[in-house]
PDB file of all heavy atoms in Angstrom:
ATOM      1  N   VAL A   1       0.282  -7.312 -27.002  1.00  0.00           N
ATOM      2  CA  VAL A   1      -0.575  -7.583 -25.831  1.00  0.00           C
ATOM      3  C   VAL A   1      -0.010  -6.931 -24.564  1.00  0.00           C
ATOM      4  O   VAL A   1      -0.731  -6.199 -23.881  1.00  0.00           O
ATOM      5  CB  VAL A   1      -0.814  -9.093 -25.657  1.00  0.00           C
ATOM      6  CG1 VAL A   1      -1.412  -9.407 -24.290  1.00  0.00           C
ATOM      7  CG2 VAL A   1      -1.737  -9.601 -26.764  1.00  0.00           C
ATOM      8  N   PRO A   2       1.271  -7.154 -24.212  1.00  0.00           N
ATOM      9  CA  PRO A   2       1.816  -6.407 -23.073  1.00  0.00           C
ATOM     10  C   PRO A   2       1.716  -4.891 -23.258  1.00  0.00           C
ATOM     11  O   PRO A   2       1.449  -4.161 -22.300  1.00  0.00           O
ATOM     12  CB  PRO A   2       3.287  -6.853 -23.033  1.00  0.00           C
ATOM     13  CG  PRO A   2       3.288  -8.196 -23.664  1.00  0.00           C
ATOM     14  CD  PRO A   2       2.230  -8.143 -24.724  1.00  0.00           C
ATOM     15  N   PHE A   3       1.913  -4.423 -24.483  1.00  0.00           N
ATOM     16  CA  PHE A   3       1.763  -2.986 -24.775  1.00  0.00           C
ATOM     17  C   PHE A   3       0.352  -2.525 -24.419  1.00  0.00           C
ATOM     18  O   PHE A   3       0.163  -1.496 -23.763  1.00  0.00           O
ATOM     19  CB  PHE A   3       2.063  -2.722 -26.251  1.00  0.00           C
ATOM     20  CG  PHE A   3       1.556  -1.401 -26.747  1.00  0.00           C
ATOM     21  CD1 PHE A   3       2.254  -0.230 -26.492  1.00  0.00           C
ATOM     22  CD2 PHE A   3       0.355  -1.326 -27.455  1.00  0.00           C
ATOM     23  CE1 PHE A   3       1.766   0.998 -26.934  1.00  0.00           C
ATOM     24  CE2 PHE A   3      -0.134  -0.110 -27.906  1.00  0.00           C
ATOM     25  CZ  PHE A   3       0.575   1.063 -27.640  1.00  0.00           C
ATOM     26  N   ALA A   4      -0.652  -3.280 -24.865  1.00  0.00           N
ATOM     27  CA  ALA A   4      -2.039  -2.897 -24.605  1.00  0.00           C
ATOM     28  C   ALA A   4      -2.404  -3.020 -23.132  1.00  0.00           C
ATOM     29  O   ALA A   4      -3.375  -2.419 -22.673  1.00  0.00           O
ATOM     30  CB  ALA A   4      -2.982  -3.753 -25.450  1.00  0.00           C
ATOM     31  N   LEU A   5      -1.598  -3.779 -22.378  1.00  0.00           N
ATOM     32  CA  LEU A   5      -1.835  -3.942 -20.934  1.00  0.00           C
ATOM     33  C   LEU A   5      -1.006  -2.969 -20.102  1.00  0.00           C
ATOM     34  O   LEU A   5      -0.938  -3.102 -18.883  1.00  0.00           O
ATOM     35  CB  LEU A   5      -1.537  -5.387 -20.524  1.00  0.00           C
ATOM     36  CG  LEU A   5      -2.514  -6.422 -21.094  1.00  0.00           C
ATOM     37  CD1 LEU A   5      -2.035  -7.843 -20.795  1.00  0.00           C
ATOM     38  CD2 LEU A   5      -3.925  -6.209 -20.546  1.00  0.00           C
ATOM     39  N   GLY A   6      -0.375  -2.000 -20.763  1.00  0.00           N
ATOM     40  CA  GLY A   6       0.242  -0.897 -20.041  1.00  0.00           C
ATOM     41  C   GLY A   6       1.746  -0.878 -19.945  1.00  0.00           C
ATOM     42  O   GLY A   6       2.318   0.050 -19.354  1.00  0.00           O
ATOM     43  N   GLN A   7       2.436  -1.870 -20.493  1.00  0.00           N
ATOM     44  CA  GLN A   7       3.890  -1.858 -20.450  1.00  0.00           C
ATOM     45  C   GLN A   7       4.451  -1.141 -21.672  1.00  0.00           C
ATOM     46  O   GLN A   7       3.950  -1.313 -22.785  1.00  0.00           O
ATOM     47  CB  GLN A   7       4.455  -3.284 -20.393  1.00  0.00           C
ATOM     48  CG  GLN A   7       4.714  -3.769 -18.976  1.00  0.00           C
ATOM     49  CD  GLN A   7       5.413  -5.106 -18.929  1.00  0.00           C
ATOM     50  OE1 GLN A   7       4.814  -6.126 -19.265  1.00  0.00           O
ATOM     51  NE2 GLN A   7       6.656  -5.114 -18.487  1.00  0.00           N
ATOM     52  N   LYS A   8       5.491  -0.380 -21.468  1.00  0.00           N
ATOM     53  CA  LYS A   8       6.168   0.242 -22.590  1.00  0.00           C
ATOM     54  C   LYS A   8       7.013  -0.815 -23.294  1.00  0.00           C
ATOM     55  O   LYS A   8       7.735  -1.579 -22.646  1.00  0.00           O
ATOM     56  CB  LYS A   8       7.069   1.385 -22.109  1.00  0.00           C
ATOM     57  CG  LYS A   8       7.769   2.124 -23.241  1.00  0.00           C
ATOM     58  CD  LYS A   8       8.627   3.264 -22.713  1.00  0.00           C
ATOM     59  CE  LYS A   8       9.341   3.972 -23.860  1.00  0.00           C
ATOM     60  NZ  LYS A   8      10.227   5.064 -23.358  1.00  0.00           N
ATOM     61  N   VAL A   9       6.902  -0.882 -24.591  1.00  0.00           N
ATOM     62  CA  VAL A   9       7.647  -1.861 -25.386  1.00  0.00           C
ATOM     63  C   VAL A   9       8.454  -1.119 -26.438  1.00  0.00           C
ATOM     64  O   VAL A   9       7.920  -0.328 -27.210  1.00  0.00           O
ATOM     65  CB  VAL A   9       6.699  -2.868 -26.084  1.00  0.00           C
ATOM     66  CG1 VAL A   9       7.508  -3.885 -26.879  1.00  0.00           C
ATOM     67  CG2 VAL A   9       5.806  -3.572 -25.065  1.00  0.00           C
ATOM     68  N   GLU A  10       9.747  -1.381 -26.444  1.00  0.00           N
ATOM     69  CA  GLU A  10      10.645  -0.719 -27.399  1.00  0.00           C
ATOM     70  C   GLU A  10      11.525  -1.762 -28.071  1.00  0.00           C
ATOM     71  O   GLU A  10      12.020  -2.685 -27.419  1.00  0.00           O
ATOM     72  CB  GLU A  10      11.518   0.308 -26.668  1.00  0.00           C
ATOM     73  CG  GLU A  10      12.394   1.132 -27.586  1.00  0.00           C
ATOM     74  CD  GLU A  10      13.224   2.158 -26.808  1.00  0.00           C
ATOM     75  OE1 GLU A  10      13.161   2.145 -25.558  1.00  0.00           O
ATOM     76  OE2 GLU A  10      13.939   2.938 -27.452  1.00  0.00           O
ATOM     77  N   PHE A  11      11.670  -1.626 -29.378  1.00  0.00           N
ATOM     78  CA  PHE A  11      12.532  -2.533 -30.136  1.00  0.00           C
ATOM     79  C   PHE A  11      13.829  -1.806 -30.476  1.00  0.00           C
ATOM     80  O   PHE A  11      13.816  -0.752 -31.107  1.00  0.00           O
ATOM     81  CB  PHE A  11      11.838  -3.011 -31.413  1.00  0.00           C
ATOM     82  CG  PHE A  11      10.751  -4.009 -31.152  1.00  0.00           C
ATOM     83  CD1 PHE A  11       9.491  -3.591 -30.718  1.00  0.00           C
ATOM     84  CD2 PHE A  11      10.983  -5.369 -31.318  1.00  0.00           C
ATOM     85  CE1 PHE A  11       8.486  -4.508 -30.468  1.00  0.00           C
ATOM     86  CE2 PHE A  11       9.983  -6.296 -31.058  1.00  0.00           C
ATOM     87  CZ  PHE A  11       8.735  -5.863 -30.630  1.00  0.00           C
ATOM     88  N   VAL A  12      14.938  -2.382 -30.045  1.00  0.00           N
ATOM     89  CA  VAL A  12      16.251  -1.770 -30.227  1.00  0.00           C
ATOM     90  C   VAL A  12      17.056  -2.618 -31.209  1.00  0.00           C
ATOM     91  O   VAL A  12      17.121  -3.850 -31.081  1.00  0.00           O
ATOM     92  CB  VAL A  12      17.005  -1.664 -28.881  1.00  0.00           C
ATOM     93  CG1 VAL A  12      18.390  -1.036 -29.080  1.00  0.00           C
ATOM     94  CG2 VAL A  12      16.185  -0.856 -27.880  1.00  0.00           C
ATOM     95  N   ASN A  13      17.669  -1.958 -32.183  1.00  0.00           N
ATOM     96  CA  ASN A  13      18.470  -2.672 -33.181  1.00  0.00           C
ATOM     97  C   ASN A  13      19.547  -3.530 -32.535  1.00  0.00           C
ATOM     98  O   ASN A  13      20.241  -3.093 -31.617  1.00  0.00           O
ATOM     99  CB  ASN A  13      19.136  -1.671 -34.142  1.00  0.00           C
ATOM    100  CG  ASN A  13      18.145  -1.111 -35.143  1.00  0.00           C
ATOM    101  OD1 ASN A  13      17.098  -1.714 -35.396  1.00  0.00           O
ATOM    102  ND2 ASN A  13      18.458   0.043 -35.709  1.00  0.00           N
ATOM    103  N   ASN A  14      19.666  -4.771 -33.012  1.00  0.00           N
ATOM    104  CA  ASN A  14      20.687  -5.722 -32.550  1.00  0.00           C
ATOM    105  C   ASN A  14      20.532  -6.104 -31.085  1.00  0.00           C
ATOM    106  O   ASN A  14      21.454  -6.640 -30.473  1.00  0.00           O
ATOM    107  CB  ASN A  14      22.099  -5.170 -32.792  1.00  0.00           C
ATOM    108  CG  ASN A  14      22.350  -4.855 -34.258  1.00  0.00           C
ATOM    109  OD1 ASN A  14      21.970  -5.633 -35.137  1.00  0.00           O
ATOM    110  ND2 ASN A  14      22.967  -3.715 -34.524  1.00  0.00           N
ATOM    111  N   HIS A  15      19.386  -5.806 -30.515  1.00  0.00           N
ATOM    112  CA  HIS A  15      19.155  -6.152 -29.111  1.00  0.00           C
ATOM    113  C   HIS A  15      17.813  -6.865 -28.916  1.00  0.00           C
ATOM    114  O   HIS A  15      17.690  -7.749 -28.073  1.00  0.00           O
ATOM    115  CB  HIS A  15      19.205  -4.896 -28.240  1.00  0.00           C
ATOM    116  CG  HIS A  15      19.185  -5.179 -26.775  1.00  0.00           C
ATOM    117  ND1 HIS A  15      18.015  -5.500 -26.092  1.00  0.00           N
ATOM    118  CD2 HIS A  15      20.175  -5.228 -25.850  1.00  0.00           C
ATOM    119  CE1 HIS A  15      18.294  -5.714 -24.807  1.00  0.00           C
ATOM    120  NE2 HIS A  15      19.591  -5.554 -24.637  1.00  0.00           N
ATOM    121  N   GLY A  16      16.820  -6.497 -29.710  1.00  0.00           N
ATOM    122  CA  GLY A  16      15.492  -7.072 -29.550  1.00  0.00           C
ATOM    123  C   GLY A  16      14.603  -6.192 -28.695  1.00  0.00           C
ATOM    124  O   GLY A  16      14.923  -5.032 -28.408  1.00  0.00           O
ATOM    125  N   PRO A  17      13.490  -6.726 -28.217  1.00  0.00           N
ATOM    126  CA  PRO A  17      12.528  -5.918 -27.462  1.00  0.00           C
ATOM    127  C   PRO A  17      12.984  -5.638 -26.029  1.00  0.00           C
ATOM    128  O   PRO A  17      13.580  -6.484 -25.379  1.00  0.00           O
ATOM    129  CB  PRO A  17      11.269  -6.792 -27.461  1.00  0.00           C
ATOM    130  CG  PRO A  17      11.775  -8.185 -27.595  1.00  0.00           C
ATOM    131  CD  PRO A  17      13.012  -8.098 -28.443  1.00  0.00           C
ATOM    132  N   ILE A  18      12.697  -4.428 -25.588  1.00  0.00           N
ATOM    133  CA  ILE A  18      12.938  -4.035 -24.201  1.00  0.00           C
ATOM    134  C   ILE A  18      11.619  -3.541 -23.619  1.00  0.00           C
ATOM    135  O   ILE A  18      10.974  -2.663 -24.188  1.00  0.00           O
ATOM    136  CB  ILE A  18      14.001  -2.924 -24.111  1.00  0.00           C
ATOM    137  CG1 ILE A  18      15.356  -3.437 -24.636  1.00  0.00           C
ATOM    138  CG2 ILE A  18      14.153  -2.443 -22.668  1.00  0.00           C
ATOM    139  CD1 ILE A  18      16.440  -2.384 -24.655  1.00  0.00           C
ATOM    140  N   LEU A  19      11.212  -4.127 -22.491  1.00  0.00           N
ATOM    141  CA  LEU A  19       9.964  -3.738 -21.843  1.00  0.00           C
ATOM    142  C   LEU A  19      10.263  -2.998 -20.546  1.00  0.00           C
ATOM    143  O   LEU A  19      11.254  -3.294 -19.864  1.00  0.00           O
ATOM    144  CB  LEU A  19       9.103  -4.965 -21.537  1.00  0.00           C
ATOM    145  CG  LEU A  19       8.256  -5.521 -22.703  1.00  0.00           C
ATOM    146  CD1 LEU A  19       9.123  -6.106 -23.802  1.00  0.00           C
ATOM    147  CD2 LEU A  19       7.256  -6.558 -22.192  1.00  0.00           C
ATOM    148  N   SER A  20       9.417  -2.031 -20.231  1.00  0.00           N
ATOM    149  CA  SER A  20       9.559  -1.307 -18.969  1.00  0.00           C
ATOM    150  C   SER A  20       9.304  -2.249 -17.795  1.00  0.00           C
ATOM    151  O   SER A  20       8.760  -3.346 -17.959  1.00  0.00           O
ATOM    152  CB  SER A  20       8.584  -0.134 -18.921  1.00  0.00           C
ATOM    153  OG  SER A  20       7.243  -0.595 -19.010  1.00  0.00           O
ATOM    154  N   ASP A  21       9.715  -1.827 -16.604  1.00  0.00           N
ATOM    155  CA  ASP A  21       9.523  -2.669 -15.419  1.00  0.00           C
ATOM    156  C   ASP A  21       8.052  -3.033 -15.245  1.00  0.00           C
ATOM    157  O   ASP A  21       7.153  -2.197 -15.436  1.00  0.00           O
ATOM    158  CB  ASP A  21      10.019  -1.933 -14.169  1.00  0.00           C
ATOM    159  CG  ASP A  21      11.538  -1.793 -14.161  1.00  0.00           C
ATOM    160  OD1 ASP A  21      12.203  -2.544 -14.900  1.00  0.00           O
ATOM    161  OD2 ASP A  21      12.043  -0.922 -13.429  1.00  0.00           O
ATOM    162  N   PHE A  22       7.827  -4.274 -14.886  1.00  0.00           N
ATOM    163  CA  PHE A  22       6.464  -4.764 -14.738  1.00  0.00           C
ATOM    164  C   PHE A  22       5.855  -4.229 -13.449  1.00  0.00           C
ATOM    165  O   PHE A  22       6.471  -4.259 -12.390  1.00  0.00           O
ATOM    166  CB  PHE A  22       6.458  -6.296 -14.714  1.00  0.00           C
ATOM    167  CG  PHE A  22       5.085  -6.894 -14.565  1.00  0.00           C
ATOM    168  CD1 PHE A  22       4.217  -6.937 -15.636  1.00  0.00           C
ATOM    169  CD2 PHE A  22       4.676  -7.398 -13.337  1.00  0.00           C
ATOM    170  CE1 PHE A  22       2.947  -7.493 -15.500  1.00  0.00           C
ATOM    171  CE2 PHE A  22       3.411  -7.958 -13.187  1.00  0.00           C
ATOM    172  CZ  PHE A  22       2.541  -7.998 -14.272  1.00  0.00           C
ATOM    173  N   ASN A  23       4.613  -3.745 -13.549  1.00  0.00           N
ATOM    174  CA  ASN A  23       3.875  -3.220 -12.402  1.00  0.00           C
ATOM    175  C   ASN A  23       2.605  -4.057 -12.245  1.00  0.00           C
ATOM    176  O   ASN A  23       1.683  -3.971 -13.057  1.00  0.00           O
ATOM    177  CB  ASN A  23       3.521  -1.744 -12.638  1.00  0.00           C
ATOM    178  CG  ASN A  23       2.833  -1.100 -11.438  1.00  0.00           C
ATOM    179  OD1 ASN A  23       1.899  -1.657 -10.889  1.00  0.00           O
ATOM    180  ND2 ASN A  23       3.300   0.084 -11.060  1.00  0.00           N
ATOM    181  N   LEU A  24       2.559  -4.892 -11.210  1.00  0.00           N
ATOM    182  CA  LEU A  24       1.435  -5.808 -11.038  1.00  0.00           C
ATOM    183  C   LEU A  24       0.117  -5.058 -10.854  1.00  0.00           C
ATOM    184  O   LEU A  24      -0.907  -5.452 -11.431  1.00  0.00           O
ATOM    185  CB  LEU A  24       1.686  -6.725  -9.831  1.00  0.00           C
ATOM    186  CG  LEU A  24       0.593  -7.777  -9.565  1.00  0.00           C
ATOM    187  CD1 LEU A  24       0.430  -8.715 -10.749  1.00  0.00           C
ATOM    188  CD2 LEU A  24       0.902  -8.547  -8.288  1.00  0.00           C
ATOM    189  N   LYS A  25       0.119  -3.965 -10.085  1.00  0.00           N
ATOM    190  CA  LYS A  25      -1.116  -3.215  -9.855  1.00  0.00           C
ATOM    191  C   LYS A  25      -1.644  -2.657 -11.169  1.00  0.00           C
ATOM    192  O   LYS A  25      -2.845  -2.738 -11.459  1.00  0.00           O
ATOM    193  CB  LYS A  25      -0.883  -2.085  -8.858  1.00  0.00           C
ATOM    194  CG  LYS A  25      -2.153  -1.313  -8.513  1.00  0.00           C
ATOM    195  CD  LYS A  25      -1.884  -0.213  -7.495  1.00  0.00           C
ATOM    196  CE  LYS A  25      -3.177   0.486  -7.099  1.00  0.00           C
ATOM    197  NZ  LYS A  25      -3.929   1.044  -8.245  1.00  0.00           N
ATOM    198  N   LEU A  26      -0.752  -2.080 -11.971  1.00  0.00           N
ATOM    199  CA  LEU A  26      -1.155  -1.535 -13.266  1.00  0.00           C
ATOM    200  C   LEU A  26      -1.713  -2.641 -14.164  1.00  0.00           C
ATOM    201  O   LEU A  26      -2.725  -2.465 -14.840  1.00  0.00           O
ATOM    202  CB  LEU A  26       0.046  -0.869 -13.945  1.00  0.00           C
ATOM    203  CG  LEU A  26      -0.195  -0.262 -15.337  1.00  0.00           C
ATOM    204  CD1 LEU A  26      -1.186   0.890 -15.267  1.00  0.00           C
ATOM    205  CD2 LEU A  26       1.123   0.216 -15.936  1.00  0.00           C
ATOM    206  N   PHE A  27      -1.058  -3.782 -14.112  1.00  0.00           N
ATOM    207  CA  PHE A  27      -1.493  -4.930 -14.915  1.00  0.00           C
ATOM    208  C   PHE A  27      -2.894  -5.374 -14.511  1.00  0.00           C
ATOM    209  O   PHE A  27      -3.754  -5.615 -15.363  1.00  0.00           O
ATOM    210  CB  PHE A  27      -0.488  -6.072 -14.737  1.00  0.00           C
ATOM    211  CG  PHE A  27      -0.886  -7.367 -15.384  1.00  0.00           C
ATOM    212  CD1 PHE A  27      -0.784  -7.555 -16.757  1.00  0.00           C
ATOM    213  CD2 PHE A  27      -1.358  -8.428 -14.609  1.00  0.00           C
ATOM    214  CE1 PHE A  27      -1.157  -8.755 -17.348  1.00  0.00           C
ATOM    215  CE2 PHE A  27      -1.712  -9.631 -15.190  1.00  0.00           C
ATOM    216  CZ  PHE A  27      -1.624  -9.791 -16.567  1.00  0.00           C
ATOM    217  N   LEU A  28      -3.146  -5.480 -13.205  1.00  0.00           N
ATOM    218  CA  LEU A  28      -4.434  -5.951 -12.711  1.00  0.00           C
ATOM    219  C   LEU A  28      -5.544  -4.919 -12.894  1.00  0.00           C
ATOM    220  O   LEU A  28      -6.730  -5.271 -12.884  1.00  0.00           O
ATOM    221  CB  LEU A  28      -4.319  -6.339 -11.235  1.00  0.00           C
ATOM    222  CG  LEU A  28      -3.404  -7.532 -10.929  1.00  0.00           C
ATOM    223  CD1 LEU A  28      -3.304  -7.755  -9.427  1.00  0.00           C
ATOM    224  CD2 LEU A  28      -3.903  -8.797 -11.623  1.00  0.00           C
ATOM    225  N   ASP A  29      -5.179  -3.650 -13.070  1.00  0.00           N
ATOM    226  CA  ASP A  29      -6.174  -2.581 -13.235  1.00  0.00           C
ATOM    227  C   ASP A  29      -6.719  -2.501 -14.661  1.00  0.00           C
ATOM    228  O   ASP A  29      -7.595  -1.682 -14.945  1.00  0.00           O
ATOM    229  CB  ASP A  29      -5.571  -1.222 -12.850  1.00  0.00           C
ATOM    230  CG  ASP A  29      -5.506  -1.023 -11.337  1.00  0.00           C
ATOM    231  OD1 ASP A  29      -6.175  -1.798 -10.621  1.00  0.00           O
ATOM    232  OD2 ASP A  29      -4.794  -0.128 -10.884  1.00  0.00           O
ATOM    233  N   ASN A  30      -6.201  -3.319 -15.562  1.00  0.00           N
ATOM    234  CA  ASN A  30      -6.678  -3.290 -16.941  1.00  0.00           C
ATOM    235  C   ASN A  30      -8.107  -3.817 -17.036  1.00  0.00           C
ATOM    236  O   ASN A  30      -8.586  -4.532 -16.165  1.00  0.00           O
ATOM    237  CB  ASN A  30      -5.764  -4.142 -17.825  1.00  0.00           C
ATOM    238  CG  ASN A  30      -4.497  -3.406 -18.206  1.00  0.00           C
ATOM    239  OD1 ASN A  30      -4.516  -2.497 -19.019  1.00  0.00           O
ATOM    240  ND2 ASN A  30      -3.378  -3.794 -17.586  1.00  0.00           N
ATOM    241  N   ASP A  31      -8.763  -3.456 -18.123  1.00  0.00           N
ATOM    242  CA  ASP A  31     -10.105  -3.975 -18.387  1.00  0.00           C
ATOM    243  C   ASP A  31     -10.253  -4.251 -19.878  1.00  0.00           C
ATOM    244  O   ASP A  31      -9.458  -3.774 -20.701  1.00  0.00           O
ATOM    245  CB  ASP A  31     -11.182  -2.999 -17.915  1.00  0.00           C
ATOM    246  CG  ASP A  31     -11.107  -1.664 -18.637  1.00  0.00           C
ATOM    247  OD1 ASP A  31     -11.629  -1.580 -19.766  1.00  0.00           O
ATOM    248  OD2 ASP A  31     -10.507  -0.718 -18.096  1.00  0.00           O
TER     249      ASP A  31
END
């Protein structure tokens, strides 16, 4: 869901998911 809303999501071994910095404008611009 965050991926589809514009955030980059990466899964790193032995670390778990890492998401790019959140951008509120980008988030609100989704449809």
